[in-house]
Amino acid sequence: MSIYLHKILPLLISPLFLFIALSFFYSFTLRLKVLFLSTVAISILSTPMTAQLLWGELESEYTLKTPKEIINSDAIVVLSGNASPIETEEGFIFQWADPDRFFGGIALFKTGKAPTLIFTGGQLPWDKSDQTEGDYLKGEAISQGVPEDHILVTRAVQNTAQEALAVKALLGGNTTKIILVTSAFHMPRATSLFEAEQLIVIPYPVDFKSINVERTIMSFIPSTGGLNGTFNALREFLGRLYYRFKL
């Protein structure tokens, strides 16, 4: 019981909880129906349960696989989103955000699934570092035992559409079979963009967010984490809708 108290008590002083509590109070006392319904909606969207359901839908097309289950291809393509540059007094260093894509690509290469490992040169407009994410990951891959002459890095890219174009340019004009490594929720959108460039895509989804998530009483309590999870899931749905009409 004490563990739940430790988890629930901090929520009582969170900005989100205070907002919801005040909204419910004023909607009841002032009989504001619209405010009440809006508060109910925010409360539901802020629960980890809602976020988990949305992530489950985003990842529903795929299951977790091992490298041995993947057929051999011409190249392994690891999309950016693994690490980001942090400025320090001694210059920029990269900090891991979610290394599942990187280690998924390493595992595929070491299993002999393709002779070439490609990293995309992720670099957002506000990144001040001269080094792209792909350059950093190349160094990390070498430290993991991948030969340097088997690693390629694309030009600097800012989104998935640019990644697809850059990989196509790097590989040349011929149709190529690639193993695409990215987060499970991101895989459908990424696959459609790479296939639009006439690449044959073998999906290797990683970074599952809805697998083996235990549902507890905390799953039904609004939190900033739950709201952020819901927002990120809705953003991916919006991205899919955008590219469905664009492609």
C-alpha atoms as a PDB file:
ATOM      1  CA  MET A   1       0.000   0.000   0.000  1.00  0.00           C
ATOM      2  CA  SER A   2       2.852   2.410   0.843  1.00  0.00           C
ATOM      3  CA  ILE A   3       4.226   2.209  -2.700  1.00  0.00           C
ATOM      4  CA  TYR A   4       0.938   3.538  -4.068  1.00  0.00           C
ATOM      5  CA  LEU A   5       0.978   6.408  -1.562  1.00  0.00           C
ATOM      6  CA  HIS A   6       4.501   7.314  -2.671  1.00  0.00           C
ATOM      7  CA  LYS A   7       3.292   7.365  -6.274  1.00  0.00           C
ATOM      8  CA  ILE A   8      -0.036   9.143  -5.719  1.00  0.00           C
ATOM      9  CA  LEU A   9       0.918  11.829  -3.181  1.00  0.00           C
ATOM     10  CA  PRO A  10       3.288  13.739  -5.541  1.00  0.00           C
ATOM     11  CA  LEU A  11       0.422  13.963  -8.060  1.00  0.00           C
ATOM     12  CA  LEU A  12      -1.526  16.104  -5.609  1.00  0.00           C
ATOM     13  CA  ILE A  13       0.916  18.984  -6.096  1.00  0.00           C
ATOM     14  CA  SER A  14       1.364  18.566  -9.848  1.00  0.00           C
ATOM     15  CA  PRO A  15       0.190  21.460 -12.078  1.00  0.00           C
ATOM     16  CA  LEU A  16      -2.004  19.050 -14.031  1.00  0.00           C
ATOM     17  CA  PHE A  17      -3.817  17.781 -10.921  1.00  0.00           C
ATOM     18  CA  LEU A  18      -4.348  21.335  -9.627  1.00  0.00           C
ATOM     19  CA  PHE A  19      -5.744  22.391 -13.007  1.00  0.00           C
ATOM     20  CA  ILE A  20      -8.140  19.452 -13.150  1.00  0.00           C
ATOM     21  CA  ALA A  21      -9.243  19.926  -9.530  1.00  0.00           C
ATOM     22  CA  LEU A  22      -9.931  23.649  -9.989  1.00  0.00           C
ATOM     23  CA  SER A  23     -11.729  23.048 -13.290  1.00  0.00           C
ATOM     24  CA  PHE A  24     -14.018  20.477 -11.700  1.00  0.00           C
ATOM     25  CA  PHE A  25     -14.660  22.798  -8.738  1.00  0.00           C
ATOM     26  CA  TYR A  26     -15.618  25.800 -10.848  1.00  0.00           C
ATOM     27  CA  SER A  27     -17.612  23.748 -13.344  1.00  0.00           C
ATOM     28  CA  PHE A  28     -19.771  22.412 -10.488  1.00  0.00           C
ATOM     29  CA  THR A  29     -20.137  25.657  -8.529  1.00  0.00           C
ATOM     30  CA  LEU A  30     -20.799  27.823 -11.588  1.00  0.00           C
ATOM     31  CA  ARG A  31     -22.693  25.108 -13.491  1.00  0.00           C
ATOM     32  CA  LEU A  32     -20.462  25.414 -16.542  1.00  0.00           C
ATOM     33  CA  LYS A  33     -21.300  22.351 -18.608  1.00  0.00           C
ATOM     34  CA  VAL A  34     -18.695  22.977 -21.307  1.00  0.00           C
ATOM     35  CA  LEU A  35     -15.940  23.402 -18.733  1.00  0.00           C
ATOM     36  CA  PHE A  36     -17.021  20.210 -16.979  1.00  0.00           C
ATOM     37  CA  LEU A  37     -16.997  18.172 -20.194  1.00  0.00           C
ATOM     38  CA  SER A  38     -13.633  19.645 -21.204  1.00  0.00           C
ATOM     39  CA  THR A  39     -12.176  18.720 -17.829  1.00  0.00           C
ATOM     40  CA  VAL A  40     -13.486  15.169 -18.125  1.00  0.00           C
ATOM     41  CA  ALA A  41     -11.873  14.905 -21.568  1.00  0.00           C
ATOM     42  CA  ILE A  42      -8.523  16.218 -20.302  1.00  0.00           C
ATOM     43  CA  SER A  43      -8.680  13.822 -17.361  1.00  0.00           C
ATOM     44  CA  ILE A  44      -9.255  10.812 -19.619  1.00  0.00           C
ATOM     45  CA  LEU A  45      -6.553  11.847 -22.104  1.00  0.00           C
ATOM     46  CA  SER A  46      -4.108  12.292 -19.216  1.00  0.00           C
ATOM     47  CA  THR A  47      -4.347   8.740 -17.916  1.00  0.00           C
ATOM     48  CA  PRO A  48      -1.546   6.277 -18.729  1.00  0.00           C
ATOM     49  CA  MET A  49      -4.298   3.826 -19.746  1.00  0.00           C
ATOM     50  CA  THR A  50      -5.361   6.069 -22.631  1.00  0.00           C
ATOM     51  CA  ALA A  51      -1.762   6.481 -23.735  1.00  0.00           C
ATOM     52  CA  GLN A  52      -1.188   2.709 -23.566  1.00  0.00           C
ATOM     53  CA  LEU A  53      -4.263   2.011 -25.700  1.00  0.00           C
ATOM     54  CA  LEU A  54      -3.141   4.509 -28.336  1.00  0.00           C
ATOM     55  CA  TRP A  55       0.412   3.119 -28.414  1.00  0.00           C
ATOM     56  CA  GLY A  56      -1.007  -0.387 -28.701  1.00  0.00           C
ATOM     57  CA  GLU A  57      -2.969   0.658 -31.782  1.00  0.00           C
ATOM     58  CA  LEU A  58       0.084   2.316 -33.339  1.00  0.00           C
ATOM     59  CA  GLU A  59       2.162  -0.842 -32.825  1.00  0.00           C
ATOM     60  CA  SER A  60      -0.569  -3.375 -33.656  1.00  0.00           C
ATOM     61  CA  GLU A  61       0.878  -4.298 -37.072  1.00  0.00           C
ATOM     62  CA  TYR A  62       4.104  -5.699 -35.633  1.00  0.00           C
ATOM     63  CA  THR A  63       5.492  -8.178 -33.151  1.00  0.00           C
ATOM     64  CA  LEU A  64       8.913  -8.256 -31.533  1.00  0.00           C
ATOM     65  CA  LYS A  65      11.353 -10.315 -33.626  1.00  0.00           C
ATOM     66  CA  THR A  66      14.883 -11.618 -33.261  1.00  0.00           C
ATOM     67  CA  PRO A  67      17.528 -11.064 -35.966  1.00  0.00           C
ATOM     68  CA  LYS A  68      17.386 -14.759 -36.890  1.00  0.00           C
ATOM     69  CA  GLU A  69      13.772 -14.309 -38.047  1.00  0.00           C
ATOM     70  CA  ILE A  70      14.778 -11.643 -40.597  1.00  0.00           C
ATOM     71  CA  ILE A  71      15.776 -12.567 -44.151  1.00  0.00           C
ATOM     72  CA  ASN A  72      19.114 -11.453 -45.594  1.00  0.00           C
ATOM     73  CA  SER A  73      19.143  -8.141 -47.437  1.00  0.00           C
ATOM     74  CA  ASP A  74      21.496  -5.710 -49.163  1.00  0.00           C
ATOM     75  CA  ALA A  75      21.747  -3.199 -46.321  1.00  0.00           C
ATOM     76  CA  ILE A  76      20.579  -2.469 -42.780  1.00  0.00           C
ATOM     77  CA  VAL A  77      19.210   1.067 -42.345  1.00  0.00           C
ATOM     78  CA  VAL A  78      19.005   2.490 -38.827  1.00  0.00           C
ATOM     79  CA  LEU A  79      16.886   5.632 -38.579  1.00  0.00           C
ATOM     80  CA  SER A  80      17.857   8.532 -36.337  1.00  0.00           C
ATOM     81  CA  GLY A  81      16.297   9.093 -32.928  1.00  0.00           C
ATOM     82  CA  ASN A  82      18.869   7.282 -30.804  1.00  0.00           C
ATOM     83  CA  ALA A  83      20.898  10.143 -29.341  1.00  0.00           C
ATOM     84  CA  SER A  84      21.145  13.918 -29.342  1.00  0.00           C
ATOM     85  CA  PRO A  85      24.011  16.404 -28.844  1.00  0.00           C
ATOM     86  CA  ILE A  86      24.402  18.195 -25.515  1.00  0.00           C
ATOM     87  CA  GLU A  87      26.613  21.270 -25.241  1.00  0.00           C
ATOM     88  CA  THR A  88      29.171  21.217 -22.417  1.00  0.00           C
ATOM     89  CA  GLU A  89      32.105  23.407 -21.412  1.00  0.00           C
ATOM     90  CA  GLU A  90      34.389  21.046 -23.307  1.00  0.00           C
ATOM     91  CA  GLY A  91      32.258  20.932 -26.457  1.00  0.00           C
ATOM     92  CA  PHE A  92      29.360  18.781 -27.617  1.00  0.00           C
ATOM     93  CA  ILE A  93      28.742  15.248 -26.412  1.00  0.00           C
ATOM     94  CA  PHE A  94      25.967  12.913 -27.484  1.00  0.00           C
ATOM     95  CA  GLN A  95      23.527  11.584 -24.914  1.00  0.00           C
ATOM     96  CA  TRP A  96      21.492   8.453 -25.529  1.00  0.00           C
ATOM     97  CA  ALA A  97      17.747   9.010 -25.804  1.00  0.00           C
ATOM     98  CA  ASP A  98      16.574   5.575 -26.922  1.00  0.00           C
ATOM     99  CA  PRO A  99      19.327   3.230 -28.162  1.00  0.00           C
ATOM    100  CA  ASP A 100      17.022   0.369 -29.246  1.00  0.00           C
ATOM    101  CA  ARG A 101      17.351   1.259 -32.927  1.00  0.00           C
ATOM    102  CA  PHE A 102      21.147   1.378 -32.731  1.00  0.00           C
ATOM    103  CA  PHE A 103      21.528  -1.939 -30.935  1.00  0.00           C
ATOM    104  CA  GLY A 104      18.924  -3.519 -33.206  1.00  0.00           C
ATOM    105  CA  GLY A 105      21.051  -2.584 -36.207  1.00  0.00           C
ATOM    106  CA  ILE A 106      24.222  -3.878 -34.549  1.00  0.00           C
ATOM    107  CA  ALA A 107      22.537  -7.204 -33.743  1.00  0.00           C
ATOM    108  CA  LEU A 108      21.357  -7.613 -37.338  1.00  0.00           C
ATOM    109  CA  PHE A 109      24.823  -6.883 -38.736  1.00  0.00           C
ATOM    110  CA  LYS A 110      26.552  -9.292 -36.373  1.00  0.00           C
ATOM    111  CA  THR A 111      24.035 -11.974 -37.322  1.00  0.00           C
ATOM    112  CA  GLY A 112      25.108 -11.539 -40.938  1.00  0.00           C
ATOM    113  CA  LYS A 113      21.805 -10.206 -42.261  1.00  0.00           C
ATOM    114  CA  ALA A 114      23.446  -7.650 -44.565  1.00  0.00           C
ATOM    115  CA  PRO A 115      26.995  -6.587 -45.491  1.00  0.00           C
ATOM    116  CA  THR A 116      26.355  -2.860 -44.998  1.00  0.00           C
ATOM    117  CA  LEU A 117      25.126  -0.887 -41.997  1.00  0.00           C
ATOM    118  CA  ILE A 118      23.691   2.562 -42.767  1.00  0.00           C
ATOM    119  CA  PHE A 119      23.020   5.320 -40.246  1.00  0.00           C
ATOM    120  CA  THR A 120      21.036   8.402 -41.186  1.00  0.00           C
ATOM    121  CA  GLY A 121      22.587  11.772 -40.410  1.00  0.00           C
ATOM    122  CA  GLY A 122      19.918  13.132 -38.097  1.00  0.00           C
ATOM    123  CA  GLN A 123      20.485  16.817 -37.379  1.00  0.00           C
ATOM    124  CA  LEU A 124      17.662  19.152 -36.385  1.00  0.00           C
ATOM    125  CA  PRO A 125      17.806  22.860 -37.332  1.00  0.00           C
ATOM    126  CA  TRP A 126      18.496  23.893 -33.735  1.00  0.00           C
ATOM    127  CA  ASP A 127      21.330  21.388 -33.216  1.00  0.00           C
ATOM    128  CA  LYS A 128      24.550  23.396 -32.912  1.00  0.00           C
ATOM    129  CA  SER A 129      26.926  20.443 -33.122  1.00  0.00           C
ATOM    130  CA  ASP A 130      28.830  19.974 -36.388  1.00  0.00           C
ATOM    131  CA  GLN A 131      28.527  16.195 -35.953  1.00  0.00           C
ATOM    132  CA  THR A 132      25.330  14.480 -37.059  1.00  0.00           C
ATOM    133  CA  GLU A 133      23.760  11.645 -35.096  1.00  0.00           C
ATOM    134  CA  GLY A 134      24.815   9.253 -37.840  1.00  0.00           C
ATOM    135  CA  ASP A 135      28.453  10.267 -37.493  1.00  0.00           C
ATOM    136  CA  TYR A 136      28.276   9.660 -33.756  1.00  0.00           C
ATOM    137  CA  LEU A 137      26.603   6.263 -34.213  1.00  0.00           C
ATOM    138  CA  LYS A 138      29.250   5.243 -36.726  1.00  0.00           C
ATOM    139  CA  GLY A 139      31.906   5.725 -34.059  1.00  0.00           C
ATOM    140  CA  GLU A 140      29.828   3.769 -31.552  1.00  0.00           C
ATOM    141  CA  ALA A 141      29.311   0.947 -34.069  1.00  0.00           C
ATOM    142  CA  ILE A 142      33.071   0.714 -34.658  1.00  0.00           C
ATOM    143  CA  SER A 143      33.578   0.428 -30.903  1.00  0.00           C
ATOM    144  CA  GLN A 144      31.063  -2.446 -30.976  1.00  0.00           C
ATOM    145  CA  GLY A 145      33.223  -4.336 -33.468  1.00  0.00           C
ATOM    146  CA  VAL A 146      31.623  -3.345 -36.786  1.00  0.00           C
ATOM    147  CA  PRO A 147      34.339  -2.772 -39.434  1.00  0.00           C
ATOM    148  CA  GLU A 148      34.488   0.869 -40.555  1.00  0.00           C
ATOM    149  CA  ASP A 149      34.423  -0.028 -44.248  1.00  0.00           C
ATOM    150  CA  HIS A 150      31.024  -1.695 -43.752  1.00  0.00           C
ATOM    151  CA  ILE A 151      29.383   1.467 -42.349  1.00  0.00           C
ATOM    152  CA  LEU A 152      27.790   4.273 -44.357  1.00  0.00           C
ATOM    153  CA  VAL A 153      26.297   7.549 -43.115  1.00  0.00           C
ATOM    154  CA  THR A 154      23.848   9.661 -45.113  1.00  0.00           C
ATOM    155  CA  ARG A 155      23.939  13.407 -45.506  1.00  0.00           C
ATOM    156  CA  ALA A 156      22.314  15.531 -42.797  1.00  0.00           C
ATOM    157  CA  VAL A 157      18.544  14.942 -42.573  1.00  0.00           C
ATOM    158  CA  GLN A 158      15.739  16.413 -40.475  1.00  0.00           C
ATOM    159  CA  ASN A 159      12.807  14.005 -40.879  1.00  0.00           C
ATOM    160  CA  THR A 160      11.817  10.554 -42.133  1.00  0.00           C
ATOM    161  CA  ALA A 161      11.027  11.725 -45.667  1.00  0.00           C
ATOM    162  CA  GLN A 162      14.529  13.175 -45.985  1.00  0.00           C
ATOM    163  CA  GLU A 163      16.000   9.979 -44.536  1.00  0.00           C
ATOM    164  CA  ALA A 164      14.349   7.937 -47.291  1.00  0.00           C
ATOM    165  CA  LEU A 165      15.673  10.255 -50.015  1.00  0.00           C
ATOM    166  CA  ALA A 166      19.169  10.290 -48.511  1.00  0.00           C
ATOM    167  CA  VAL A 167      19.363   6.499 -48.213  1.00  0.00           C
ATOM    168  CA  LYS A 168      18.159   6.097 -51.804  1.00  0.00           C
ATOM    169  CA  ALA A 169      20.847   8.532 -53.006  1.00  0.00           C
ATOM    170  CA  LEU A 170      23.507   6.754 -50.965  1.00  0.00           C
ATOM    171  CA  LEU A 171      22.609   3.355 -52.409  1.00  0.00           C
ATOM    172  CA  GLY A 172      22.339   4.536 -55.993  1.00  0.00           C
ATOM    173  CA  GLY A 173      19.535   4.215 -58.487  1.00  0.00           C
ATOM    174  CA  ASN A 174      19.063   0.461 -58.428  1.00  0.00           C
ATOM    175  CA  THR A 175      16.233  -1.167 -56.494  1.00  0.00           C
ATOM    176  CA  THR A 176      17.655  -2.397 -53.213  1.00  0.00           C
ATOM    177  CA  LYS A 177      16.327  -4.609 -50.446  1.00  0.00           C
ATOM    178  CA  ILE A 178      16.886  -3.061 -47.032  1.00  0.00           C
ATOM    179  CA  ILE A 179      16.181  -4.044 -43.446  1.00  0.00           C
ATOM    180  CA  LEU A 180      14.614  -0.955 -41.899  1.00  0.00           C
ATOM    181  CA  VAL A 181      15.223  -0.478 -38.171  1.00  0.00           C
ATOM    182  CA  THR A 182      13.026   1.981 -36.300  1.00  0.00           C
ATOM    183  CA  SER A 183      10.514   2.152 -33.460  1.00  0.00           C
ATOM    184  CA  ALA A 184       7.440  -0.051 -33.881  1.00  0.00           C
ATOM    185  CA  PHE A 185       5.036   2.906 -33.738  1.00  0.00           C
ATOM    186  CA  HIS A 186       7.043   4.713 -36.427  1.00  0.00           C
ATOM    187  CA  MET A 187       7.468   1.725 -38.751  1.00  0.00           C
ATOM    188  CA  PRO A 188       4.272   2.029 -40.887  1.00  0.00           C
ATOM    189  CA  ARG A 189       4.995   5.654 -41.812  1.00  0.00           C
ATOM    190  CA  ALA A 190       8.700   5.003 -42.369  1.00  0.00           C
ATOM    191  CA  THR A 191       8.014   1.932 -44.516  1.00  0.00           C
ATOM    192  CA  SER A 192       5.626   3.826 -46.794  1.00  0.00           C
ATOM    193  CA  LEU A 193       8.165   6.620 -47.307  1.00  0.00           C
ATOM    194  CA  PHE A 194      11.026   4.230 -48.136  1.00  0.00           C
ATOM    195  CA  GLU A 195       8.835   2.154 -50.446  1.00  0.00           C
ATOM    196  CA  ALA A 196       7.879   5.377 -52.254  1.00  0.00           C
ATOM    197  CA  GLU A 197      11.581   5.582 -53.188  1.00  0.00           C
ATOM    198  CA  GLN A 198      11.360   2.104 -54.819  1.00  0.00           C
ATOM    199  CA  LEU A 199      13.198   0.378 -51.993  1.00  0.00           C
ATOM    200  CA  ILE A 200      12.141  -3.100 -50.886  1.00  0.00           C
ATOM    201  CA  VAL A 201      11.631  -2.851 -47.128  1.00  0.00           C
ATOM    202  CA  ILE A 202      12.018  -5.629 -44.569  1.00  0.00           C
ATOM    203  CA  PRO A 203      10.722  -4.153 -41.276  1.00  0.00           C
ATOM    204  CA  TYR A 204      12.644  -4.742 -38.063  1.00  0.00           C
ATOM    205  CA  PRO A 205      10.583  -2.946 -35.400  1.00  0.00           C
ATOM    206  CA  VAL A 206      12.122  -2.136 -32.019  1.00  0.00           C
ATOM    207  CA  ASP A 207      11.346   0.140 -29.072  1.00  0.00           C
ATOM    208  CA  PHE A 208       7.874  -1.274 -28.361  1.00  0.00           C
ATOM    209  CA  LYS A 209       6.015   0.898 -25.864  1.00  0.00           C
ATOM    210  CA  SER A 210       2.896  -1.218 -25.317  1.00  0.00           C
ATOM    211  CA  ILE A 211       4.382  -4.692 -24.744  1.00  0.00           C
ATOM    212  CA  ASN A 212       4.206  -6.139 -21.221  1.00  0.00           C
ATOM    213  CA  VAL A 213       2.912  -2.914 -19.670  1.00  0.00           C
ATOM    214  CA  GLU A 214       1.329  -3.777 -16.343  1.00  0.00           C
ATOM    215  CA  ARG A 215      -1.995  -2.095 -15.593  1.00  0.00           C
ATOM    216  CA  THR A 216      -2.312  -0.917 -12.012  1.00  0.00           C
ATOM    217  CA  ILE A 217      -4.353   1.688 -10.194  1.00  0.00           C
ATOM    218  CA  MET A 218      -1.790   4.232 -11.436  1.00  0.00           C
ATOM    219  CA  SER A 219      -2.895   3.514 -15.002  1.00  0.00           C
ATOM    220  CA  PHE A 220      -6.228   5.230 -14.294  1.00  0.00           C
ATOM    221  CA  ILE A 221      -4.883   8.327 -12.533  1.00  0.00           C
ATOM    222  CA  PRO A 222      -4.212  11.441 -14.669  1.00  0.00           C
ATOM    223  CA  SER A 223      -0.542  12.397 -14.826  1.00  0.00           C
ATOM    224  CA  THR A 224       1.766  14.569 -16.889  1.00  0.00           C
ATOM    225  CA  GLY A 225       3.487  11.404 -18.115  1.00  0.00           C
ATOM    226  CA  GLY A 226       0.184  10.014 -19.317  1.00  0.00           C
ATOM    227  CA  LEU A 227      -0.725  13.278 -21.036  1.00  0.00           C
ATOM    228  CA  ASN A 228       2.671  13.421 -22.751  1.00  0.00           C
ATOM    229  CA  GLY A 229       2.289   9.814 -23.908  1.00  0.00           C
ATOM    230  CA  THR A 230      -1.137  10.580 -25.352  1.00  0.00           C
ATOM    231  CA  PHE A 231       0.162  13.700 -27.101  1.00  0.00           C
ATOM    232  CA  ASN A 232       3.082  11.835 -28.706  1.00  0.00           C
ATOM    233  CA  ALA A 233       0.778   9.048 -29.884  1.00  0.00           C
ATOM    234  CA  LEU A 234      -1.683  11.523 -31.408  1.00  0.00           C
ATOM    235  CA  ARG A 235       1.217  13.289 -33.120  1.00  0.00           C
ATOM    236  CA  GLU A 236       2.215  10.005 -34.797  1.00  0.00           C
ATOM    237  CA  PHE A 237      -1.388   9.442 -35.948  1.00  0.00           C
ATOM    238  CA  LEU A 238      -1.333  12.955 -37.426  1.00  0.00           C
ATOM    239  CA  GLY A 239       1.977  12.219 -39.180  1.00  0.00           C
ATOM    240  CA  ARG A 240       0.527   9.086 -40.756  1.00  0.00           C
ATOM    241  CA  LEU A 241      -2.526  11.005 -41.945  1.00  0.00           C
ATOM    242  CA  TYR A 242      -0.366  13.728 -43.461  1.00  0.00           C
ATOM    243  CA  TYR A 243       1.811  11.347 -45.478  1.00  0.00           C
ATOM    244  CA  ARG A 244      -1.178   9.228 -46.519  1.00  0.00           C
ATOM    245  CA  PHE A 245      -2.530  12.201 -48.426  1.00  0.00           C
ATOM    246  CA  LYS A 246       0.898  13.409 -49.581  1.00  0.00           C
ATOM    247  CA  LEU A 247       2.244  10.155 -51.058  1.00  0.00           C
END
